[in-house]
Protein backbone atom coordinates (compact mmCIF):
# COMPACT_ATOMS: atom_id res chain seq x y z
CA MET A 1 -38.96 40.62 -7.66
CA ASP A 2 -36.93 43.69 -7.91
CA SER A 3 -34.05 43.97 -10.01
CA LEU A 4 -31.59 43.93 -7.16
CA ILE A 5 -33.08 40.84 -5.36
CA ALA A 6 -32.82 38.97 -9.10
CA ALA A 7 -29.31 40.21 -9.41
CA ALA A 8 -28.36 38.93 -5.89
CA ALA A 9 -30.00 35.52 -6.13
CA ARG A 10 -27.67 35.46 -9.66
CA ALA A 11 -24.80 36.25 -8.08
CA LEU A 12 -25.58 33.71 -5.12
CA ALA A 13 -26.31 31.00 -7.66
CA ALA A 14 -22.66 31.39 -9.04
CA GLY A 15 -20.98 31.57 -5.69
CA ASP A 16 -20.37 34.94 -5.73
CA ALA A 17 -21.38 35.73 -2.24
CA LEU A 18 -19.86 39.10 -2.05
CA GLY A 19 -21.16 40.41 -5.25
CA ALA A 20 -24.48 39.59 -3.66
CA LEU A 21 -23.77 41.62 -0.45
CA LYS A 22 -23.41 44.44 -2.42
CA ARG A 23 -26.79 44.71 -3.76
CA VAL A 24 -28.62 44.08 -0.30
CA ALA A 25 -26.72 44.60 2.39
CA LEU A 26 -28.52 47.71 3.43
CA ARG A 27 -31.77 46.46 3.09
CA ASP A 28 -33.94 44.87 5.77
CA ASP A 29 -36.91 43.40 3.81
CA PRO A 30 -37.60 39.79 3.93
CA PRO A 31 -35.98 38.84 0.64
CA ALA A 32 -33.09 40.98 1.05
CA LEU A 33 -32.53 39.25 4.41
CA ALA A 34 -32.95 35.84 2.84
CA LEU A 35 -30.31 36.47 0.74
CA ARG A 36 -27.96 38.05 2.95
CA GLY A 37 -28.22 34.80 4.94
CA ILE A 38 -27.44 32.76 2.23
CA ALA A 39 -24.21 34.95 1.26
CA MET A 40 -22.85 34.83 4.85
CA ALA A 41 -23.29 31.33 4.75
CA GLN A 42 -21.34 31.11 1.79
CA LEU A 43 -18.86 33.00 3.47
CA GLY A 44 -18.59 31.18 6.30
CA GLU A 45 -20.35 33.21 8.63
CA HIS A 46 -22.77 30.47 9.66
CA ARG A 47 -23.59 32.19 13.33
CA ARG A 48 -24.94 35.47 11.34
CA ALA A 49 -26.44 33.64 8.27
CA ARG A 50 -28.63 31.79 10.76
CA GLU A 51 -29.96 34.59 12.67
CA LEU A 52 -30.41 36.67 8.90
CA LEU A 53 -32.65 33.49 7.47
CA ARG A 54 -34.82 33.35 11.03
CA LEU A 55 -35.53 36.73 10.51
CA ALA A 56 -36.73 36.45 7.04
CA ALA A 57 -38.66 33.59 7.81
CA ARG A 58 -40.48 35.46 10.62
CA GLY A 59 -40.83 38.57 8.22
CA PHE A 60 -42.54 36.39 5.20
CA GLY A 61 -45.12 35.25 7.71
CA ALA A 62 -47.55 32.29 7.25
CA LYS A 63 -48.78 34.06 3.99
CA GLU A 64 -45.84 33.45 2.06
CA GLU A 65 -45.35 29.75 2.63
CA LEU A 66 -42.91 29.26 -0.47
CA ALA A 67 -40.82 32.01 0.61
CA ARG A 68 -40.40 30.95 4.43
CA ALA A 69 -39.99 27.31 3.28
CA ARG A 70 -36.90 28.29 1.62
CA CYS A 71 -35.83 29.87 4.54
CA VAL A 72 -36.31 26.81 6.66
CA VAL A 73 -34.20 24.53 3.69
CA ALA A 74 -31.32 27.75 4.30
CA GLU A 75 -31.35 27.16 7.50
CA ALA A 76 -30.85 23.53 7.79
CA GLU A 77 -28.12 23.75 5.28
CA VAL A 78 -26.09 26.27 7.80
CA ALA A 79 -27.35 24.17 10.50
CA LEU A 80 -25.30 21.26 8.45
CA ALA A 81 -22.56 23.29 7.72
CA MET A 82 -22.12 24.23 11.38
CA ARG A 83 -22.65 20.39 12.84
CA ASP A 84 -25.60 21.04 14.49
CA LEU A 85 -27.07 17.43 14.00
CA SER A 86 -29.45 17.27 17.15
CA GLY A 87 -30.90 21.04 16.57
CA PRO A 88 -34.14 21.97 18.43
CA PRO A 89 -36.85 19.49 18.28
CA ASN A 90 -38.71 20.66 15.94
CA ALA A 91 -36.03 21.19 13.56
CA LEU A 92 -36.42 17.88 11.29
CA ARG A 93 -40.17 18.52 11.52
CA ALA A 94 -39.90 22.19 10.03
CA LEU A 95 -37.55 20.65 7.63
CA SER A 96 -40.27 17.94 6.25
CA ALA A 97 -43.12 20.01 6.64
CA ALA A 98 -40.79 23.03 4.12
CA THR A 99 -39.83 19.90 1.79
CA THR A 100 -43.72 18.90 1.57
CA THR A 101 -44.70 22.47 0.71
CA LEU A 102 -41.73 22.95 -1.69
CA ALA A 103 -42.42 20.07 -3.94
CA ALA A 104 -46.76 21.14 -3.63
CA ARG A 105 -45.62 24.33 -4.77
CA ALA A 106 -43.49 23.15 -7.91
CA ASP A 107 -40.40 24.53 -6.34
CA HIS A 108 -38.44 21.29 -7.26
CA ALA A 109 -34.97 22.44 -7.01
CA ASN A 110 -35.28 23.26 -3.49
CA ALA A 111 -37.37 20.22 -2.39
CA LEU A 112 -34.33 18.24 -3.86
CA GLN A 113 -32.02 20.70 -2.06
CA ALA A 114 -33.89 19.70 1.13
CA ARG A 115 -33.70 16.34 0.60
CA LEU A 116 -29.74 16.22 0.27
CA ILE A 117 -29.53 18.30 3.33
CA THR A 118 -31.73 15.41 5.30
CA VAL A 119 -28.94 12.64 3.33
CA ARG A 120 -26.12 14.37 4.29
CA ARG A 121 -26.90 14.66 7.61
CA LEU A 122 -27.68 10.74 8.01
CA LEU A 123 -24.25 9.88 6.40
CA LEU A 124 -22.94 12.11 9.05
CA LEU A 125 -24.42 10.72 11.69
CA GLY A 126 -23.30 7.06 10.30
CA GLN A 127 -26.99 6.24 9.56
CA LEU A 128 -26.43 4.36 6.06
CA ASP A 129 -29.21 2.63 5.97
CA LYS A 130 -31.55 5.47 6.36
CA ALA A 131 -28.88 7.16 3.69
CA LYS A 132 -29.41 4.78 1.43
CA ASP A 133 -33.16 4.85 1.30
CA ALA A 134 -33.47 8.33 0.92
CA LEU A 135 -30.75 8.43 -1.62
CA SER A 136 -32.86 6.25 -3.81
CA GLN A 137 -36.03 8.59 -3.47
CA ILE A 138 -33.80 10.96 -4.84
CA ASN A 139 -33.41 11.62 -9.11
CA ALA A 140 -30.20 13.71 -10.25
CA GLN A 141 -31.71 13.33 -13.70
CA GLY A 142 -32.71 17.03 -14.90
CA MET A 143 -31.49 18.44 -11.77
CA PRO A 144 -29.52 22.12 -11.47
CA PRO A 145 -25.95 21.37 -12.21
CA ALA A 146 -24.77 21.96 -8.70
CA LEU A 147 -27.57 20.22 -6.88
CA ALA A 148 -26.37 16.79 -9.44
CA ALA A 149 -22.82 17.53 -8.13
CA VAL A 150 -23.87 17.15 -4.55
CA ALA A 151 -26.26 14.36 -5.15
CA PHE A 152 -23.55 12.44 -6.63
CA LEU A 153 -21.14 13.39 -3.81
CA ALA A 154 -23.69 11.91 -1.70
CA GLN A 155 -23.84 8.92 -3.90
CA ALA A 156 -20.34 8.32 -4.20
CA GLU A 157 -19.73 9.03 -0.03
CA LEU A 158 -22.43 6.12 0.80
CA ALA A 159 -20.92 3.51 -1.57
CA LEU A 160 -17.20 4.50 -0.20
CA ARG A 161 -18.43 3.95 3.19
CA LEU A 162 -19.82 0.77 1.81
CA LEU A 163 -16.70 -0.28 0.14
CA ASP A 164 -18.91 -0.46 -3.24
CA ILE A 165 -15.63 1.39 -4.74
CA ALA A 166 -16.62 0.64 -8.55
CA PRO A 167 -20.29 2.43 -7.63
CA ALA A 168 -18.19 5.31 -6.05
CA GLN A 169 -15.87 5.55 -8.69
CA ALA A 170 -18.68 6.10 -11.20
CA ALA A 171 -20.45 8.74 -9.11
CA LEU A 172 -17.28 11.01 -8.71
CA VAL A 173 -17.23 11.09 -12.30
CA ARG A 174 -20.89 12.53 -12.95
CA ALA A 175 -19.98 14.75 -9.45
CA ARG A 176 -17.11 16.09 -11.38
CA ASP A 177 -18.69 16.35 -14.92
CA ALA A 178 -21.83 17.95 -13.23
CA ALA A 179 -19.56 20.44 -11.08
CA ALA A 180 -17.76 21.47 -13.89
CA HIS A 181 -20.94 22.56 -15.44
CA ALA A 182 -21.71 24.16 -12.57
CA GLY A 183 -19.02 26.48 -12.46
CA VAL A 184 -18.84 26.58 -8.80
CA PRO A 185 -15.04 26.53 -7.90
CA ALA A 186 -15.81 25.42 -4.27
CA LEU A 187 -18.20 22.39 -5.28
CA GLN A 188 -15.29 21.56 -7.65
CA ALA A 189 -12.79 21.91 -4.64
CA GLU A 190 -15.13 19.36 -2.84
CA VAL A 191 -15.25 16.66 -5.93
CA ALA A 192 -11.66 16.90 -6.29
CA GLU A 193 -10.83 16.24 -2.15
CA ALA A 194 -13.96 13.33 -2.53
CA GLN A 195 -11.40 11.67 -5.41
CA THR A 196 -8.17 11.54 -3.42
CA ALA A 197 -10.30 9.48 -1.15
CA LEU A 198 -9.98 6.58 -3.40
CA GLU A 199 -6.11 6.88 -3.73
CA ARG A 200 -5.13 7.68 -0.58
CA PRO A 201 -4.24 4.97 1.91
CA ALA A 202 -7.35 4.14 4.24
CA ALA A 203 -5.93 1.22 6.26
CA ARG A 204 -2.82 -1.08 7.07
CA ARG A 205 -2.42 -4.50 6.88
CA LEU A 206 -0.09 -5.63 9.68
CA ARG A 207 2.04 -8.53 9.40
CA HIS A 208 4.76 -10.52 12.03
CA ASP A 209 7.38 -7.45 11.33
CA CYS A 210 6.02 -4.96 8.98
CA GLU A 211 2.98 -3.27 7.94
CA GLN A 212 1.62 -2.61 4.36
CA PRO A 213 -0.62 0.46 3.70
CA LEU A 214 -3.66 -0.10 1.94
CA ARG A 215 -5.94 2.04 -0.44
CA LEU A 216 -9.97 1.73 -0.42
CA ALA A 217 -9.96 -0.85 -3.56
CA GLU A 218 -7.02 -3.11 -1.91
CA VAL A 219 -9.56 -3.32 1.56
CA ALA A 220 -12.48 -4.01 -0.51
CA ALA A 221 -10.27 -6.66 -2.67
CA LEU A 222 -9.11 -8.10 1.04
CA ILE A 223 -12.75 -8.08 2.33
CA ASP A 224 -13.76 -10.16 -0.52
CA SER A 225 -11.41 -12.69 -0.24
CA ASN A 226 -10.95 -15.99 1.72
CA ALA A 227 -9.41 -14.76 4.59
CA LEU A 228 -10.52 -14.12 8.84
CA ILE A 229 -10.12 -10.85 9.08
CA LEU A 230 -9.32 -8.69 12.71
CA ASP A 231 -10.90 -5.38 11.25
CA ALA A 232 -9.48 -3.18 14.05
CA CYS A 233 -11.14 -0.40 11.95
CA ARG A 234 -14.66 -1.46 12.72
CA ARG A 235 -14.09 -3.10 15.54
CA GLY A 236 -14.94 -6.72 14.83
CA LEU A 237 -13.95 -10.15 13.11
CA ARG A 238 -15.39 -11.03 9.61
CA ALA A 239 -14.50 -13.88 7.26
CA GLY A 240 -16.89 -13.78 3.79
CA GLN A 241 -20.15 -12.72 4.57
CA ALA A 242 -19.82 -13.43 8.38
CA TRP A 243 -19.06 -10.65 10.44
CA LEU A 244 -18.64 -10.22 14.35
CA PRO A 245 -19.07 -7.32 15.65
CA LEU A 246 -17.15 -6.53 19.16
CA THR A 247 -17.75 -2.97 19.56
CA GLY A 248 -18.84 -3.06 22.66
CA ARG A 249 -16.76 -5.92 23.83
CA PRO A 250 -13.07 -3.99 24.58
CA VAL A 251 -11.54 -6.80 26.24
CA LEU A 252 -12.61 -9.40 23.97
CA PHE A 253 -11.60 -7.13 20.87
CA ALA A 254 -8.06 -6.88 22.81
CA LEU A 255 -7.66 -10.60 23.13
CA ALA A 256 -8.67 -11.60 19.48
CA ARG A 257 -6.45 -9.11 18.34
CA LEU A 258 -3.33 -10.09 19.98
CA LEU A 259 -4.39 -13.54 18.73
CA ALA A 260 -4.46 -12.55 15.32
CA GLU A 261 -1.37 -10.28 15.00
CA ALA A 262 0.88 -13.04 16.19
CA TRP A 263 -1.04 -16.03 14.39
CA PRO A 264 0.26 -18.60 13.51
CA VAL A 265 1.73 -18.84 16.70
CA ASP A 266 0.47 -18.64 20.26
CA VAL A 267 0.90 -15.65 23.17
CA ASP A 268 1.70 -16.28 26.00
CA ARG A 269 -0.78 -15.43 29.27
CA ALA A 270 1.28 -12.92 30.06
CA THR A 271 1.19 -10.91 27.31
CA LEU A 272 -2.73 -11.18 27.33
CA ILE A 273 -3.31 -10.40 30.55
CA ALA A 274 -0.99 -7.12 30.14
CA HIS A 275 -2.85 -6.20 27.08
CA ALA A 276 -6.30 -6.78 27.76
CA PHE A 277 -6.90 -6.38 31.52
CA ARG A 278 -3.57 -3.38 31.31
CA THR A 279 -1.83 -4.13 34.20
CA ARG A 280 2.03 -5.40 34.64
CA HIS A 281 1.94 -7.24 37.85
CA PRO A 282 -0.57 -10.20 37.22
CA ASP A 283 -1.99 -12.38 40.04
CA GLU A 284 -4.40 -15.75 39.93
CA THR A 285 -7.35 -13.44 39.71
CA HIS A 286 -6.33 -11.90 36.58
CA ARG A 287 -5.56 -15.56 35.17
CA ALA A 288 -8.87 -16.61 36.03
CA ARG A 289 -10.43 -13.86 34.81
CA LEU A 290 -8.33 -15.26 31.15
CA ARG A 291 -9.78 -17.93 31.58
CA VAL A 292 -13.39 -16.70 31.36
CA GLU A 293 -12.78 -14.22 28.78
CA MET A 294 -10.91 -16.86 26.55
CA GLY A 295 -13.97 -18.95 27.14
CA ARG A 296 -16.61 -15.93 25.97
CA LEU A 297 -14.18 -15.29 22.74
CA ARG A 298 -14.26 -18.93 21.89
CA ALA A 299 -18.00 -18.92 22.24
CA SER A 300 -18.29 -15.86 19.80
CA LEU A 301 -16.22 -16.85 17.42
CA ALA A 302 -17.48 -20.32 16.78
CA GLY A 303 -17.82 -20.92 13.11
CA LEU A 304 -15.54 -18.46 12.53
CA ALA A 305 -12.54 -19.66 14.63
CA GLY A 306 -11.39 -21.58 17.50
CA ILE A 307 -9.25 -20.95 20.62
CA GLN A 308 -6.80 -23.44 21.29
CA ALA A 309 -4.77 -23.75 24.66
CA THR A 310 -0.88 -24.28 24.71
CA ALA A 311 1.51 -24.78 27.53
CA LYS A 312 2.57 -20.96 27.34
CA GLY A 313 -0.65 -19.41 26.00
CA PHE A 314 -3.71 -19.90 23.34
CA ILE A 315 -3.32 -19.69 19.48
CA LEU A 316 -6.06 -18.82 17.25
CA GLN A 317 -7.17 -21.46 14.54
CA PRO A 318 -9.36 -20.51 11.74
CA CYS A 319 -11.68 -22.61 10.32
CA ASP A 320 -11.10 -23.91 6.49
CA GLU A 321 -7.75 -23.02 6.92
CA ARG A 322 -8.31 -19.56 6.20
CA PRO A 323 -5.57 -17.13 6.71
CA VAL A 324 -5.48 -14.77 9.07
CA VAL A 325 -5.01 -11.03 7.99
CA VAL A 326 -5.22 -7.89 10.71
CA LEU A 327 -6.39 -4.57 8.79
CA ALA A 328 -5.46 -1.94 11.49
CA PRO A 329 -6.75 1.88 11.49
CA PRO A 330 -4.33 4.27 9.36
CA ILE A 331 -3.80 6.17 12.83
CA ASP A 332 -3.91 4.22 16.19
CA GLY A 333 -5.68 5.57 19.13
CA GLU A 334 -8.39 4.80 20.89
CA GLN A 335 -9.96 8.32 20.03
CA ALA A 336 -9.47 7.25 16.07
CA SER A 337 -12.79 7.86 14.95
CA LEU A 338 -13.11 11.22 16.95
CA VAL A 339 -10.18 12.25 15.48
CA ALA A 340 -11.72 11.07 12.04
CA LEU A 341 -14.65 13.51 12.40
CA LEU A 342 -12.77 16.48 13.10
CA SER A 343 -10.57 16.08 10.17
CA ASP A 344 -13.52 17.51 7.66
CA GLY A 345 -12.28 20.83 8.43
CA ALA A 346 -15.63 21.86 9.84
CA ALA A 347 -16.32 23.18 13.66
CA TRP A 348 -18.34 20.72 15.88
CA SER A 349 -19.79 20.72 18.72
CA THR A 350 -19.74 17.76 21.98
CA SER A 351 -23.23 17.15 21.29
CA ALA A 352 -22.86 16.69 17.73
CA LEU A 353 -19.78 14.46 18.16
CA ALA A 354 -21.96 12.34 20.76
CA LEU A 355 -25.01 11.87 18.52
CA ALA A 356 -22.61 10.90 15.55
CA LEU A 357 -20.23 8.01 17.83
CA GLY A 358 -23.37 7.12 19.99
CA ALA A 359 -21.36 7.78 22.94
CA SER A 360 -22.09 10.08 26.03
CA GLN A 361 -21.55 13.68 25.73
CA ARG A 362 -19.65 13.41 28.74
CA THR A 363 -17.15 10.31 27.08
CA VAL A 364 -16.54 12.81 24.06
CA GLN A 365 -15.87 15.63 26.33
CA ARG A 366 -12.96 13.88 27.98
CA ALA A 367 -12.10 12.18 24.69
CA LEU A 368 -11.86 16.18 23.31
CA ALA A 369 -9.70 17.20 26.62
CA GLU A 370 -7.10 14.06 25.53
CA LEU A 371 -6.74 15.16 22.14
CA GLU A 372 -6.15 18.29 23.32
CA THR A 373 -3.52 18.06 25.50
CA ALA A 374 -1.65 16.20 22.65
CA GLY A 375 -2.19 18.83 20.43
CA GLN A 376 -4.71 16.73 18.17
CA ALA A 377 -7.99 19.28 18.75
CA ARG A 378 -8.45 22.52 19.64
CA ALA A 379 -11.50 24.64 21.13
CA ILE A 380 -12.99 27.73 19.67
CA GLY A 381 -15.60 29.87 21.66
CA GLN A 382 -16.96 29.66 25.16
CA ALA A 383 -19.87 27.73 26.98
CA ARG A 384 -22.41 26.35 24.57
CA ALA A 385 -21.01 28.40 21.62
CA ARG A 386 -17.66 26.44 21.90
CA ARG A 387 -16.85 24.09 19.02
CA TRP A 388 -13.87 21.70 18.20
CA LEU A 389 -11.91 21.55 15.31
CA SER A 390 -8.45 19.49 14.12
CA PRO A 391 -6.15 20.39 11.29
CA PRO A 392 -6.91 18.24 8.30
CA LEU A 393 -5.10 14.86 7.91
CA ALA A 394 -2.85 14.52 5.13
CA GLY A 395 -1.76 11.93 3.20
CA PHE A 396 -4.69 9.18 4.10
CA THR A 397 -8.26 8.55 4.26
CA THR A 398 -10.35 8.15 7.26
CA ILE A 399 -13.22 6.44 5.56
CA LEU A 400 -13.06 3.78 7.36
CA LEU A 401 -13.17 5.52 10.79
CA LEU A 402 -16.20 7.20 10.45
CA PRO A 403 -19.16 5.70 12.50
CA ALA A 404 -21.22 3.02 11.77
CA ALA A 405 -20.28 -0.37 11.33
CA LEU A 406 -20.75 -2.38 7.85
CA SER A 407 -23.71 -4.63 8.39
CA LEU A 408 -22.75 -8.15 6.47
CA GLU A 409 -25.20 -10.50 7.09
């Protein structure tokens, strides 16, 4: 390695992208192309970074397997920053092969980097069980400080998504110390932003005449309580360790929420029909459908609560004299999860959003059009290069709105 390449690599490790470019900007040999690509990625020019890294990988060829594997890992990190979560069919296989090559060649730092990219992708997709398994195979001890900070951040995000507050706090403390040791300002800022999630309101507890903002620790305490919780963040009901998901059953969820919000009094039939079936002019067919849907909801709630018919409507009767609590998202609207994803400040493609939300791309496109009309999202680029952005949501955290429901057995 010549002196300019070594100096550029040291500058990149310290987060000095401009300093690295000054040394290799005019060179087109594969090592210089790779460093230029990483520098452009640090400056936010992800599309150009990806082009340079691909050129570098081709330039190294099959004989320089280790250098090419490093380029594959760097490109995978750029793809993650671009929220290109689907990518070409062979992208994940290439990253896995690169990880194996790096580990076999004793390049442990870059092998760990590759594994962390995989973990962060799984977290973005809401595949929490897989992310947990992948993280369990990563040992942060002895890592370079910057990589250790990223590993601890991933641990903290997973714990926050699972509402394990104490482990999340411990991981964030370790991430802060590692980031300070690394001395990379962007990494320190990322850790500081993650720590604010513990202090910001994450949900609202709805009462008859008011609402109470709750932080993540307060949400976790509420879930551990004896209450029957209508969870409008994860769209289901929970009581202790029992969890009834209603994500794919919007009518049942709407009826359950109306009954929970009214508890301990009943809800009249006209109100239930208007909100659940979205009609202002009910007839006998709507009343008959209400009876059918209430029967389905009653069967689904068996063991958690009963539903009793009254003279004017229906009332929720929780088992074991549990209190009923409605846990609402910090923001209202059917597109709350989509807004939560966009609020991370990255530019998302519709395909990546659809993959993360588990929805069709056409559904996501319609939702984005509605958000754009409401001024909550904006598009940049055209055709396949189009990406979507939303201003960061200040004042509260959207942890509970991100994809993947909690699986309480």
